[in-house]
Amino acid sequence: MSVTPERVRARLAAFAPGVRQAGLRVRGDHDGNPGLGPPADKPLRPASVLVPLIDRPEGLTVLLTQRTAHLHDHAGQVSFPGGRLEPDDPDAVAAALRETEEEIGLARRHIEVVGRLDTYRTRTAYEVTPVVGIVRPPFDLAPDDFEVAEIFEMPLAFALSPRNHERHSRVFQGVERHFWVLPFEDRYIWGATAGMLVNLYEALTGEQAVAKPPGSARTP
């Protein structure tokens, strides 16, 4: 499916900054995993990420990062640039733009914030606001070597193909857990990042995601 920047703006207009956030819901690690939500006695820590859609001549792409292997949280995983809100951040949008500039060197002047996705709660007690931005090339990147092992782009069309939405399971600490996976080339995109990409699919297409079994036929 081909989606233009104009369609992204139109589909997310109801969730743009300053607009009443009607229709949003809370997603998270608890989806399909009863009891896997944040501990009831642990306060939620606000965080935000940027979902950067690069406006390339051949079509929109999604910019993603591969985290370094030595990090304490989510080491080696594919993620969006972002992090927790700091006291000086006025809101989630400001935090997402600041974190993006710090992590990968993408200046905010290149980013047009067009809306947001559903709130995502992790079992580690983060409440994440995914902020969607359209990025205008050309731009320079300067990744933080401590946090970012690699930066890459994935065609948005890949995330918008239902054939690429797989549901995997794994036994962790004696409990079977289920989670979204988007296997892209030799990368394993899973967890919160995959959940947000599935949410992006639903927001841009108006369709409900249907999980495919692991190893299903995929689109290029």
N, C-alpha and C. Protein backbone atom coordinates (compact mmCIF):
# COMPACT_ATOMS: atom_id res chain seq x y z
N MET A 1 0.84 -1.19 0.00
CA MET A 1 0.00 0.00 0.00
C MET A 1 0.88 1.25 0.00
N SER A 2 0.58 2.19 -0.89
CA SER A 2 1.33 3.43 -0.98
C SER A 2 0.57 4.52 -0.22
N VAL A 3 1.25 5.19 0.70
CA VAL A 3 0.64 6.25 1.49
C VAL A 3 1.47 7.51 1.33
N THR A 4 0.82 8.62 1.03
CA THR A 4 1.50 9.88 0.82
C THR A 4 1.54 10.68 2.13
N PRO A 5 2.44 11.68 2.20
CA PRO A 5 2.43 12.56 3.39
C PRO A 5 1.07 13.21 3.62
N GLU A 6 0.37 13.53 2.54
CA GLU A 6 -0.94 14.16 2.67
C GLU A 6 -1.93 13.22 3.37
N ARG A 7 -1.86 11.94 3.04
CA ARG A 7 -2.74 10.97 3.69
C ARG A 7 -2.38 10.82 5.16
N VAL A 8 -1.10 10.81 5.45
CA VAL A 8 -0.68 10.70 6.86
C VAL A 8 -1.23 11.88 7.64
N ARG A 9 -1.08 13.08 7.10
CA ARG A 9 -1.60 14.27 7.79
C ARG A 9 -3.10 14.17 8.01
N ALA A 10 -3.81 13.74 6.98
CA ALA A 10 -5.27 13.67 7.07
C ALA A 10 -5.72 12.62 8.09
N ARG A 11 -5.07 11.45 8.07
CA ARG A 11 -5.47 10.36 8.97
C ARG A 11 -5.15 10.68 10.43
N LEU A 12 -4.09 11.46 10.66
CA LEU A 12 -3.69 11.74 12.03
C LEU A 12 -4.11 13.13 12.50
N ALA A 13 -4.90 13.84 11.68
CA ALA A 13 -5.28 15.20 12.03
C ALA A 13 -6.03 15.27 13.35
N ALA A 14 -6.82 14.24 13.65
CA ALA A 14 -7.59 14.24 14.89
C ALA A 14 -6.71 14.10 16.12
N PHE A 15 -5.46 13.69 15.91
CA PHE A 15 -4.56 13.46 17.03
C PHE A 15 -3.34 14.39 16.98
N ALA A 16 -3.48 15.51 16.26
CA ALA A 16 -2.37 16.46 16.16
C ALA A 16 -2.24 17.26 17.46
N PRO A 17 -1.06 17.82 17.72
CA PRO A 17 -0.88 18.63 18.94
C PRO A 17 -1.90 19.76 18.99
N GLY A 18 -2.49 19.96 20.16
CA GLY A 18 -3.47 21.01 20.34
C GLY A 18 -4.89 20.61 20.01
N VAL A 19 -5.07 19.42 19.45
CA VAL A 19 -6.40 18.92 19.11
C VAL A 19 -6.85 17.95 20.20
N ARG A 20 -8.12 17.97 20.55
CA ARG A 20 -8.63 17.07 21.57
C ARG A 20 -8.36 15.63 21.18
N GLN A 21 -7.80 14.86 22.10
CA GLN A 21 -7.32 13.51 21.79
C GLN A 21 -8.45 12.47 21.91
N ALA A 22 -9.51 12.65 21.18
CA ALA A 22 -10.62 11.69 21.20
C ALA A 22 -10.24 10.45 20.40
N GLY A 23 -10.64 9.30 20.89
CA GLY A 23 -10.43 8.07 20.14
C GLY A 23 -9.16 7.33 20.46
N LEU A 24 -8.27 7.94 21.24
CA LEU A 24 -7.04 7.25 21.59
C LEU A 24 -7.31 6.21 22.68
N ARG A 25 -6.50 5.15 22.69
CA ARG A 25 -6.64 4.16 23.74
C ARG A 25 -5.26 3.77 24.25
N VAL A 26 -5.23 2.94 25.27
CA VAL A 26 -3.97 2.48 25.85
C VAL A 26 -3.68 1.08 25.34
N ARG A 27 -2.54 0.94 24.70
CA ARG A 27 -2.05 -0.37 24.28
C ARG A 27 -0.90 -0.75 25.19
N GLY A 28 -0.34 -1.94 24.96
CA GLY A 28 0.83 -2.27 25.74
C GLY A 28 1.16 -3.73 25.77
N ASP A 29 2.16 -4.05 26.60
CA ASP A 29 2.61 -5.43 26.73
C ASP A 29 1.51 -6.34 27.25
N HIS A 30 0.48 -5.73 27.86
CA HIS A 30 -0.62 -6.53 28.40
C HIS A 30 -1.55 -7.06 27.31
N ASP A 31 -1.47 -6.51 26.10
CA ASP A 31 -2.35 -6.97 25.02
C ASP A 31 -2.04 -8.43 24.70
N GLY A 32 -3.01 -9.28 24.90
CA GLY A 32 -2.81 -10.71 24.65
C GLY A 32 -2.05 -11.40 25.76
N ASN A 33 -1.70 -10.66 26.81
CA ASN A 33 -0.94 -11.22 27.94
C ASN A 33 -1.54 -10.74 29.25
N PRO A 34 -2.63 -11.32 29.69
CA PRO A 34 -3.25 -10.88 30.94
C PRO A 34 -2.24 -10.90 32.09
N GLY A 35 -2.22 -9.80 32.82
CA GLY A 35 -1.34 -9.72 33.97
C GLY A 35 0.06 -9.25 33.66
N LEU A 36 0.34 -8.92 32.40
CA LEU A 36 1.69 -8.51 32.03
C LEU A 36 1.87 -6.99 32.03
N GLY A 37 0.86 -6.27 32.49
CA GLY A 37 0.97 -4.82 32.54
C GLY A 37 1.92 -4.36 33.62
N PRO A 38 2.06 -3.04 33.76
CA PRO A 38 2.95 -2.49 34.80
C PRO A 38 2.49 -2.92 36.18
N PRO A 39 3.40 -3.14 37.11
CA PRO A 39 3.01 -3.48 38.49
C PRO A 39 2.11 -2.41 39.08
N ALA A 40 1.06 -2.84 39.76
CA ALA A 40 0.08 -1.90 40.30
C ALA A 40 0.69 -0.95 41.32
N ASP A 41 1.75 -1.38 42.00
CA ASP A 41 2.35 -0.56 43.04
C ASP A 41 3.52 0.29 42.54
N LYS A 42 3.72 0.32 41.23
CA LYS A 42 4.84 1.07 40.66
C LYS A 42 4.31 2.23 39.83
N PRO A 43 4.69 3.47 40.13
CA PRO A 43 4.17 4.61 39.36
C PRO A 43 4.66 4.57 37.92
N LEU A 44 3.79 4.98 37.01
CA LEU A 44 4.14 5.01 35.60
C LEU A 44 5.09 6.18 35.33
N ARG A 45 6.12 5.92 34.53
CA ARG A 45 7.09 6.95 34.18
C ARG A 45 6.81 7.43 32.75
N PRO A 46 6.49 8.72 32.57
CA PRO A 46 6.16 9.21 31.23
C PRO A 46 7.38 9.23 30.31
N ALA A 47 7.17 8.79 29.09
CA ALA A 47 8.21 8.78 28.07
C ALA A 47 7.56 9.07 26.72
N SER A 48 8.38 9.35 25.73
CA SER A 48 7.85 9.54 24.38
C SER A 48 8.89 9.12 23.37
N VAL A 49 8.42 8.75 22.20
CA VAL A 49 9.30 8.41 21.08
C VAL A 49 8.81 9.15 19.85
N LEU A 50 9.72 9.34 18.92
CA LEU A 50 9.36 9.89 17.61
C LEU A 50 9.24 8.74 16.62
N VAL A 51 8.14 8.72 15.89
CA VAL A 51 7.95 7.78 14.77
C VAL A 51 8.26 8.58 13.51
N PRO A 52 9.53 8.56 13.04
CA PRO A 52 9.93 9.43 11.93
C PRO A 52 9.60 8.79 10.58
N LEU A 53 8.80 9.49 9.79
CA LEU A 53 8.47 9.04 8.43
C LEU A 53 9.24 9.94 7.46
N ILE A 54 10.21 9.35 6.76
CA ILE A 54 11.08 10.12 5.87
C ILE A 54 10.40 10.25 4.50
N ASP A 55 10.28 11.48 4.04
CA ASP A 55 9.61 11.76 2.76
C ASP A 55 10.59 11.60 1.62
N ARG A 56 10.80 10.35 1.17
CA ARG A 56 11.69 10.05 0.07
C ARG A 56 10.93 10.12 -1.27
N PRO A 57 11.64 10.43 -2.38
CA PRO A 57 10.97 10.47 -3.69
C PRO A 57 10.31 9.14 -4.05
N GLU A 58 10.91 8.03 -3.61
CA GLU A 58 10.35 6.72 -3.95
C GLU A 58 9.25 6.28 -2.99
N GLY A 59 8.96 7.08 -1.99
CA GLY A 59 7.91 6.75 -1.03
C GLY A 59 8.39 6.94 0.40
N LEU A 60 7.44 7.02 1.32
CA LEU A 60 7.77 7.22 2.73
C LEU A 60 8.50 6.01 3.30
N THR A 61 9.47 6.29 4.16
CA THR A 61 10.16 5.23 4.89
C THR A 61 10.04 5.54 6.39
N VAL A 62 10.28 4.51 7.20
CA VAL A 62 10.28 4.65 8.65
C VAL A 62 11.72 4.57 9.13
N LEU A 63 12.18 5.58 9.85
CA LEU A 63 13.54 5.57 10.39
C LEU A 63 13.53 4.86 11.74
N LEU A 64 14.45 3.92 11.90
CA LEU A 64 14.55 3.13 13.12
C LEU A 64 16.00 3.04 13.57
N THR A 65 16.21 2.70 14.83
CA THR A 65 17.56 2.54 15.34
C THR A 65 17.74 1.13 15.91
N GLN A 66 18.96 0.67 15.85
CA GLN A 66 19.35 -0.57 16.54
C GLN A 66 20.13 -0.14 17.77
N ARG A 67 19.63 -0.51 18.94
CA ARG A 67 20.28 -0.09 20.17
C ARG A 67 21.56 -0.90 20.41
N THR A 68 22.50 -0.30 21.11
CA THR A 68 23.76 -0.99 21.38
C THR A 68 23.54 -2.14 22.36
N ALA A 69 24.44 -3.10 22.32
CA ALA A 69 24.27 -4.35 23.08
C ALA A 69 24.54 -4.20 24.57
N HIS A 70 25.20 -3.11 24.98
CA HIS A 70 25.58 -2.99 26.39
C HIS A 70 24.58 -2.22 27.24
N LEU A 71 23.51 -1.70 26.64
CA LEU A 71 22.56 -0.89 27.40
C LEU A 71 21.81 -1.74 28.41
N HIS A 72 21.39 -1.09 29.48
CA HIS A 72 20.68 -1.80 30.55
C HIS A 72 19.26 -2.16 30.11
N ASP A 73 18.59 -1.24 29.39
CA ASP A 73 17.21 -1.47 28.95
C ASP A 73 17.17 -1.73 27.45
N HIS A 74 16.53 -2.82 27.06
CA HIS A 74 16.25 -3.13 25.65
C HIS A 74 17.53 -3.18 24.80
N ALA A 75 18.56 -3.74 25.34
CA ALA A 75 19.83 -3.83 24.62
C ALA A 75 19.67 -4.58 23.31
N GLY A 76 20.25 -4.03 22.24
CA GLY A 76 20.26 -4.68 20.94
C GLY A 76 18.95 -4.66 20.18
N GLN A 77 17.92 -4.09 20.76
CA GLN A 77 16.61 -4.12 20.10
C GLN A 77 16.47 -2.99 19.08
N VAL A 78 15.54 -3.19 18.15
CA VAL A 78 15.17 -2.14 17.21
C VAL A 78 14.16 -1.22 17.91
N SER A 79 14.37 0.08 17.78
CA SER A 79 13.48 1.01 18.48
C SER A 79 13.36 2.31 17.71
N PHE A 80 12.43 3.14 18.16
CA PHE A 80 12.33 4.52 17.70
C PHE A 80 13.19 5.40 18.61
N PRO A 81 13.69 6.52 18.11
CA PRO A 81 14.40 7.43 19.01
C PRO A 81 13.44 8.01 20.04
N GLY A 82 13.90 8.08 21.27
CA GLY A 82 13.04 8.63 22.32
C GLY A 82 13.54 8.25 23.69
N GLY A 83 12.77 8.62 24.70
CA GLY A 83 13.15 8.33 26.07
C GLY A 83 12.20 9.00 27.04
N ARG A 84 12.57 9.00 28.31
CA ARG A 84 11.69 9.53 29.35
C ARG A 84 11.62 11.05 29.29
N LEU A 85 10.51 11.60 29.74
CA LEU A 85 10.36 13.04 29.84
C LEU A 85 11.22 13.58 30.98
N GLU A 86 11.90 14.68 30.71
CA GLU A 86 12.71 15.35 31.71
C GLU A 86 11.93 16.54 32.28
N PRO A 87 12.32 17.02 33.47
CA PRO A 87 11.58 18.14 34.08
C PRO A 87 11.47 19.37 33.19
N ASP A 88 12.45 19.60 32.33
CA ASP A 88 12.43 20.78 31.47
C ASP A 88 11.58 20.59 30.21
N ASP A 89 11.11 19.39 29.95
CA ASP A 89 10.29 19.15 28.76
C ASP A 89 8.86 19.61 29.01
N PRO A 90 8.34 20.54 28.20
CA PRO A 90 6.96 21.00 28.43
C PRO A 90 5.90 19.95 28.12
N ASP A 91 6.21 19.02 27.20
CA ASP A 91 5.23 18.00 26.86
C ASP A 91 5.93 16.85 26.14
N ALA A 92 5.12 15.85 25.75
CA ALA A 92 5.68 14.65 25.11
C ALA A 92 6.30 14.96 23.75
N VAL A 93 5.73 15.91 23.02
CA VAL A 93 6.28 16.27 21.71
C VAL A 93 7.69 16.86 21.88
N ALA A 94 7.83 17.77 22.81
CA ALA A 94 9.14 18.38 23.06
C ALA A 94 10.16 17.33 23.47
N ALA A 95 9.74 16.38 24.30
CA ALA A 95 10.66 15.32 24.74
C ALA A 95 11.08 14.45 23.58
N ALA A 96 10.14 14.09 22.70
CA ALA A 96 10.46 13.24 21.55
C ALA A 96 11.45 13.94 20.62
N LEU A 97 11.25 15.23 20.38
CA LEU A 97 12.15 15.97 19.51
C LEU A 97 13.53 16.13 20.15
N ARG A 98 13.56 16.40 21.44
CA ARG A 98 14.85 16.52 22.13
C ARG A 98 15.62 15.22 22.10
N GLU A 99 14.94 14.13 22.46
CA GLU A 99 15.60 12.82 22.48
C GLU A 99 16.09 12.42 21.09
N THR A 100 15.33 12.73 20.07
CA THR A 100 15.73 12.40 18.70
C THR A 100 17.00 13.15 18.32
N GLU A 101 17.06 14.42 18.69
CA GLU A 101 18.26 15.21 18.38
C GLU A 101 19.47 14.68 19.15
N GLU A 102 19.25 14.28 20.41
CA GLU A 102 20.36 13.79 21.23
C GLU A 102 20.83 12.41 20.77
N GLU A 103 19.90 11.54 20.39
CA GLU A 103 20.25 10.17 20.04
C GLU A 103 20.85 10.03 18.65
N ILE A 104 20.22 10.69 17.67
CA ILE A 104 20.66 10.46 16.29
C ILE A 104 21.06 11.73 15.56
N GLY A 105 20.97 12.88 16.22
CA GLY A 105 21.42 14.12 15.61
C GLY A 105 20.47 14.70 14.58
N LEU A 106 19.23 14.23 14.53
CA LEU A 106 18.26 14.75 13.57
C LEU A 106 17.65 16.04 14.13
N ALA A 107 17.95 17.16 13.49
CA ALA A 107 17.50 18.46 13.98
C ALA A 107 15.99 18.61 13.80
N ARG A 108 15.36 19.24 14.79
CA ARG A 108 13.90 19.36 14.77
C ARG A 108 13.38 20.23 13.63
N ARG A 109 14.24 21.08 13.05
CA ARG A 109 13.77 21.91 11.94
C ARG A 109 13.38 21.08 10.72
N HIS A 110 13.84 19.83 10.67
CA HIS A 110 13.49 18.96 9.54
C HIS A 110 12.21 18.17 9.80
N ILE A 111 11.62 18.28 11.01
CA ILE A 111 10.52 17.41 11.41
C ILE A 111 9.22 18.19 11.51
N GLU A 112 8.21 17.71 10.82
CA GLU A 112 6.85 18.26 10.93
C GLU A 112 6.02 17.26 11.75
N VAL A 113 5.69 17.65 12.97
CA VAL A 113 4.88 16.78 13.82
C VAL A 113 3.43 16.82 13.32
N VAL A 114 2.89 15.65 12.98
CA VAL A 114 1.55 15.59 12.38
C VAL A 114 0.52 14.89 13.27
N GLY A 115 0.93 14.32 14.37
CA GLY A 115 -0.02 13.65 15.24
C GLY A 115 0.67 12.67 16.15
N ARG A 116 -0.12 11.77 16.72
CA ARG A 116 0.41 10.78 17.65
C ARG A 116 -0.39 9.49 17.51
N LEU A 117 0.15 8.44 18.12
CA LEU A 117 -0.52 7.15 18.15
C LEU A 117 -1.02 6.90 19.57
N ASP A 118 -1.60 5.72 19.78
CA ASP A 118 -2.10 5.37 21.09
C ASP A 118 -0.97 5.32 22.12
N THR A 119 -1.31 5.62 23.35
CA THR A 119 -0.37 5.47 24.45
C THR A 119 0.03 3.99 24.58
N TYR A 120 1.30 3.75 24.86
CA TYR A 120 1.79 2.37 25.01
C TYR A 120 2.41 2.22 26.39
N ARG A 121 1.89 1.27 27.17
CA ARG A 121 2.41 0.99 28.50
C ARG A 121 3.22 -0.30 28.48
N THR A 122 4.40 -0.23 29.04
CA THR A 122 5.28 -1.39 29.09
C THR A 122 5.20 -2.05 30.47
N ARG A 123 5.61 -3.30 30.51
CA ARG A 123 5.60 -4.01 31.80
C ARG A 123 6.65 -3.44 32.75
N THR A 124 7.58 -2.64 32.20
CA THR A 124 8.60 -1.99 33.04
C THR A 124 8.13 -0.62 33.54
N ALA A 125 6.82 -0.36 33.39
CA ALA A 125 6.17 0.83 33.97
C ALA A 125 6.49 2.13 33.25
N TYR A 126 6.76 2.07 31.95
CA TYR A 126 6.84 3.29 31.15
C TYR A 126 5.52 3.52 30.43
N GLU A 127 5.06 4.76 30.43
CA GLU A 127 3.88 5.14 29.66
C GLU A 127 4.35 6.01 28.51
N VAL A 128 4.35 5.43 27.32
CA VAL A 128 5.02 6.03 26.17
C VAL A 128 4.02 6.69 25.23
N THR A 129 4.32 7.93 24.85
CA THR A 129 3.54 8.64 23.83
C THR A 129 4.29 8.57 22.51
N PRO A 130 3.77 7.87 21.50
CA PRO A 130 4.42 7.86 20.18
C PRO A 130 3.99 9.08 19.36
N VAL A 131 4.94 9.92 19.02
CA VAL A 131 4.71 11.15 18.25
C VAL A 131 5.12 10.89 16.81
N VAL A 132 4.22 11.15 15.87
CA VAL A 132 4.50 10.89 14.46
C VAL A 132 4.96 12.18 13.79
N GLY A 133 6.10 12.10 13.08
CA GLY A 133 6.61 13.26 12.37
C GLY A 133 7.03 12.92 10.96
N ILE A 134 6.76 13.82 10.04
CA ILE A 134 7.24 13.69 8.66
C ILE A 134 8.56 14.44 8.55
N VAL A 135 9.58 13.77 8.05
CA VAL A 135 10.93 14.33 8.01
C VAL A 135 11.29 14.68 6.57
N ARG A 136 11.78 15.89 6.39
CA ARG A 136 12.11 16.38 5.06
C ARG A 136 13.61 16.30 4.81
N PRO A 137 14.05 15.49 3.85
CA PRO A 137 15.47 15.49 3.47
C PRO A 137 15.78 16.78 2.70
N PRO A 138 17.06 17.12 2.58
CA PRO A 138 18.22 16.40 3.14
C PRO A 138 18.44 16.77 4.60
N PHE A 139 19.07 15.87 5.33
CA PHE A 139 19.39 16.12 6.72
C PHE A 139 20.63 15.32 7.08
N ASP A 140 21.28 15.74 8.14
CA ASP A 140 22.46 15.03 8.64
C ASP A 140 22.10 14.27 9.90
N LEU A 141 22.78 13.14 10.11
CA LEU A 141 22.58 12.34 11.31
C LEU A 141 23.92 12.21 12.03
N ALA A 142 23.86 12.21 13.36
CA ALA A 142 25.05 12.03 14.18
C ALA A 142 24.66 11.16 15.37
N PRO A 143 24.66 9.83 15.20
CA PRO A 143 24.20 8.95 16.27
C PRO A 143 25.08 9.00 17.51
N ASP A 144 24.43 8.87 18.65
CA ASP A 144 25.14 8.74 19.92
C ASP A 144 25.68 7.32 19.98
N ASP A 145 27.00 7.17 19.92
CA ASP A 145 27.61 5.84 19.84
C ASP A 145 27.34 4.98 21.07
N PHE A 146 27.05 5.62 22.21
CA PHE A 146 26.79 4.85 23.43
C PHE A 146 25.43 4.15 23.34
N GLU A 147 24.44 4.80 22.71
CA GLU A 147 23.08 4.26 22.68
C GLU A 147 22.72 3.60 21.36
N VAL A 148 23.28 4.09 20.26
CA VAL A 148 22.81 3.69 18.93
C VAL A 148 23.91 2.94 18.18
N ALA A 149 23.62 1.69 17.85
CA ALA A 149 24.58 0.90 17.08
C ALA A 149 24.43 1.16 15.59
N GLU A 150 23.19 1.41 15.15
CA GLU A 150 22.95 1.59 13.71
C GLU A 150 21.62 2.32 13.51
N ILE A 151 21.55 3.08 12.42
CA ILE A 151 20.31 3.73 12.00
C ILE A 151 19.97 3.18 10.62
N PHE A 152 18.71 2.82 10.42
CA PHE A 152 18.31 2.30 9.11
C PHE A 152 16.89 2.75 8.80
N GLU A 153 16.50 2.59 7.54
CA GLU A 153 15.14 2.94 7.11
C GLU A 153 14.44 1.71 6.56
N MET A 154 13.16 1.62 6.84
CA MET A 154 12.30 0.54 6.35
C MET A 154 11.16 1.18 5.56
N PRO A 155 10.86 0.69 4.36
CA PRO A 155 9.73 1.27 3.62
C PRO A 155 8.45 1.24 4.44
N LEU A 156 7.73 2.36 4.48
CA LEU A 156 6.46 2.37 5.20
C LEU A 156 5.52 1.31 4.63
N ALA A 157 5.63 1.05 3.33
CA ALA A 157 4.77 0.05 2.70
C ALA A 157 4.93 -1.32 3.35
N PHE A 158 6.12 -1.62 3.86
CA PHE A 158 6.34 -2.90 4.53
C PHE A 158 5.49 -2.99 5.80
N ALA A 159 5.50 -1.92 6.58
CA ALA A 159 4.72 -1.90 7.82
C ALA A 159 3.22 -1.89 7.54
N LEU A 160 2.83 -1.40 6.37
CA LEU A 160 1.41 -1.30 6.04
C LEU A 160 0.89 -2.53 5.31
N SER A 161 1.72 -3.55 5.13
CA SER A 161 1.27 -4.80 4.53
C SER A 161 0.86 -5.77 5.63
N PRO A 162 -0.40 -6.17 5.68
CA PRO A 162 -0.85 -7.10 6.74
C PRO A 162 -0.07 -8.41 6.76
N ARG A 163 0.52 -8.78 5.63
CA ARG A 163 1.26 -10.05 5.58
C ARG A 163 2.50 -10.02 6.46
N ASN A 164 2.91 -8.83 6.87
CA ASN A 164 4.13 -8.72 7.67
C ASN A 164 3.88 -8.58 9.16
N HIS A 165 2.64 -8.73 9.58
CA HIS A 165 2.29 -8.60 11.00
C HIS A 165 2.17 -9.99 11.61
N GLU A 166 3.23 -10.43 12.24
CA GLU A 166 3.24 -11.76 12.83
C GLU A 166 3.07 -11.68 14.34
N ARG A 167 2.49 -12.74 14.89
CA ARG A 167 2.33 -12.85 16.34
C ARG A 167 3.16 -14.03 16.81
N HIS A 168 4.17 -13.74 17.62
CA HIS A 168 5.06 -14.78 18.13
C HIS A 168 4.80 -14.99 19.61
N SER A 169 5.34 -16.07 20.13
CA SER A 169 5.24 -16.33 21.57
C SER A 169 6.57 -16.88 22.06
N ARG A 170 6.80 -16.69 23.35
CA ARG A 170 8.03 -17.17 23.96
C ARG A 170 7.76 -17.40 25.45
N VAL A 171 8.37 -18.42 26.00
CA VAL A 171 8.24 -18.69 27.43
C VAL A 171 9.31 -17.91 28.16
N PHE A 172 8.86 -17.04 29.08
CA PHE A 172 9.78 -16.21 29.86
C PHE A 172 9.41 -16.34 31.32
N GLN A 173 10.37 -16.77 32.13
CA GLN A 173 10.15 -16.99 33.56
C GLN A 173 8.95 -17.91 33.79
N GLY A 174 8.87 -18.94 32.96
CA GLY A 174 7.85 -19.96 33.12
C GLY A 174 6.48 -19.60 32.59
N VAL A 175 6.34 -18.43 31.95
CA VAL A 175 5.05 -17.98 31.44
C VAL A 175 5.15 -17.72 29.94
N GLU A 176 4.18 -18.22 29.17
CA GLU A 176 4.17 -17.98 27.73
C GLU A 176 3.64 -16.57 27.46
N ARG A 177 4.41 -15.82 26.69
CA ARG A 177 4.03 -14.45 26.38
C ARG A 177 3.93 -14.28 24.86
N HIS A 178 2.98 -13.46 24.44
CA HIS A 178 2.70 -13.23 23.03
C HIS A 178 3.02 -11.78 22.68
N PHE A 179 3.54 -11.57 21.47
CA PHE A 179 3.94 -10.22 21.08
C PHE A 179 3.99 -10.11 19.56
N TRP A 180 3.83 -8.86 19.08
CA TRP A 180 3.92 -8.59 17.65
C TRP A 180 5.37 -8.65 17.17
N VAL A 181 5.55 -9.10 15.94
CA VAL A 181 6.86 -9.12 15.29
C VAL A 181 6.70 -8.70 13.84
N LEU A 182 7.58 -7.82 13.38
CA LEU A 182 7.69 -7.51 11.96
C LEU A 182 9.10 -7.90 11.52
N PRO A 183 9.25 -9.07 10.90
CA PRO A 183 10.59 -9.49 10.45
C PRO A 183 10.96 -8.77 9.15
N PHE A 184 11.88 -7.82 9.26
CA PHE A 184 12.28 -7.03 8.10
C PHE A 184 13.71 -7.36 7.72
N GLU A 185 13.88 -7.93 6.52
CA GLU A 185 15.20 -8.37 6.05
C GLU A 185 15.81 -9.28 7.12
N ASP A 186 16.98 -8.91 7.66
CA ASP A 186 17.60 -9.76 8.67
C ASP A 186 17.35 -9.23 10.08
N ARG A 187 16.36 -8.37 10.24
CA ARG A 187 16.09 -7.75 11.53
C ARG A 187 14.81 -8.31 12.14
N TYR A 188 14.79 -8.33 13.45
CA TYR A 188 13.67 -8.87 14.22
C TYR A 188 13.08 -7.72 15.02
N ILE A 189 12.05 -7.09 14.46
CA ILE A 189 11.41 -5.95 15.11
C ILE A 189 10.25 -6.48 15.95
N TRP A 190 10.32 -6.30 17.26
CA TRP A 190 9.33 -6.89 18.12
C TRP A 190 9.03 -5.96 19.30
N GLY A 191 8.17 -6.42 20.22
CA GLY A 191 7.89 -5.67 21.43
C GLY A 191 7.15 -4.38 21.17
N ALA A 192 7.49 -3.33 21.95
CA ALA A 192 6.79 -2.06 21.86
C ALA A 192 6.91 -1.44 20.47
N THR A 193 8.09 -1.53 19.85
CA THR A 193 8.27 -0.95 18.52
C THR A 193 7.35 -1.60 17.51
N ALA A 194 7.28 -2.92 17.52
CA ALA A 194 6.37 -3.63 16.60
C ALA A 194 4.92 -3.28 16.91
N GLY A 195 4.58 -3.19 18.20
CA GLY A 195 3.22 -2.82 18.57
C GLY A 195 2.84 -1.45 18.07
N MET A 196 3.78 -0.50 18.11
CA MET A 196 3.50 0.84 17.61
C MET A 196 3.39 0.85 16.09
N LEU A 197 4.18 0.04 15.41
CA LEU A 197 4.07 -0.04 13.95
C LEU A 197 2.73 -0.63 13.53
N VAL A 198 2.25 -1.61 14.27
CA VAL A 198 0.92 -2.17 14.00
C VAL A 198 -0.15 -1.11 14.26
N ASN A 199 0.01 -0.32 15.32
CA ASN A 199 -0.90 0.78 15.60
C ASN A 199 -0.88 1.80 14.46
N LEU A 200 0.33 2.09 13.92
CA LEU A 200 0.45 3.01 12.79
C LEU A 200 -0.31 2.47 11.58
N TYR A 201 -0.19 1.16 11.34
CA TYR A 201 -0.94 0.53 10.25
C TYR A 201 -2.43 0.77 10.42
N GLU A 202 -2.94 0.54 11.62
CA GLU A 202 -4.37 0.70 11.86
C GLU A 202 -4.80 2.16 11.72
N ALA A 203 -3.95 3.09 12.18
CA ALA A 203 -4.29 4.51 12.10
C ALA A 203 -4.33 5.00 10.65
N LEU A 204 -3.41 4.51 9.82
CA LEU A 204 -3.32 5.00 8.44
C LEU A 204 -4.25 4.28 7.48
N THR A 205 -4.63 3.05 7.80
CA THR A 205 -5.48 2.29 6.88
C THR A 205 -6.93 2.17 7.35
N GLY A 206 -7.16 2.36 8.65
CA GLY A 206 -8.50 2.17 9.18
C GLY A 206 -8.89 0.72 9.34
N GLU A 207 -7.92 -0.19 9.16
CA GLU A 207 -8.17 -1.63 9.28
C GLU A 207 -7.65 -2.16 10.60
N GLN A 208 -8.29 -3.20 11.10
CA GLN A 208 -7.83 -3.86 12.31
C GLN A 208 -6.74 -4.87 11.94
N ALA A 209 -5.62 -4.83 12.64
CA ALA A 209 -4.53 -5.76 12.36
C ALA A 209 -4.94 -7.18 12.75
N VAL A 210 -4.60 -8.12 11.89
CA VAL A 210 -4.86 -9.55 12.16
C VAL A 210 -3.51 -10.25 12.15
N ALA A 211 -3.21 -10.92 13.25
CA ALA A 211 -1.90 -11.54 13.39
C ALA A 211 -1.73 -12.73 12.46
N LYS A 212 -0.55 -12.85 11.87
CA LYS A 212 -0.18 -13.99 11.06
C LYS A 212 0.75 -14.89 11.89
N PRO A 213 0.76 -16.18 11.61
CA PRO A 213 1.67 -17.07 12.35
C PRO A 213 3.12 -16.80 11.93
N PRO A 214 4.08 -17.14 12.78
CA PRO A 214 5.49 -16.97 12.43
C PRO A 214 5.83 -17.69 11.14
N GLY A 215 6.65 -17.02 10.31
CA GLY A 215 7.10 -17.65 9.07
C GLY A 215 6.13 -17.50 7.93
N SER A 216 5.09 -16.68 8.07
CA SER A 216 4.14 -16.47 6.98
C SER A 216 4.84 -15.81 5.81
N ALA A 217 4.24 -15.93 4.62
CA ALA A 217 4.81 -15.26 3.45
C ALA A 217 4.82 -13.77 3.69
N ARG A 218 5.92 -13.10 3.29
CA ARG A 218 6.08 -11.68 3.53
C ARG A 218 6.25 -10.95 2.21
N THR A 219 5.96 -9.64 2.29
CA THR A 219 6.18 -8.81 1.12
C THR A 219 7.60 -8.27 1.16
N PRO A 220 8.15 -7.86 0.02
CA PRO A 220 9.50 -7.29 0.02
C PRO A 220 9.56 -6.03 0.85
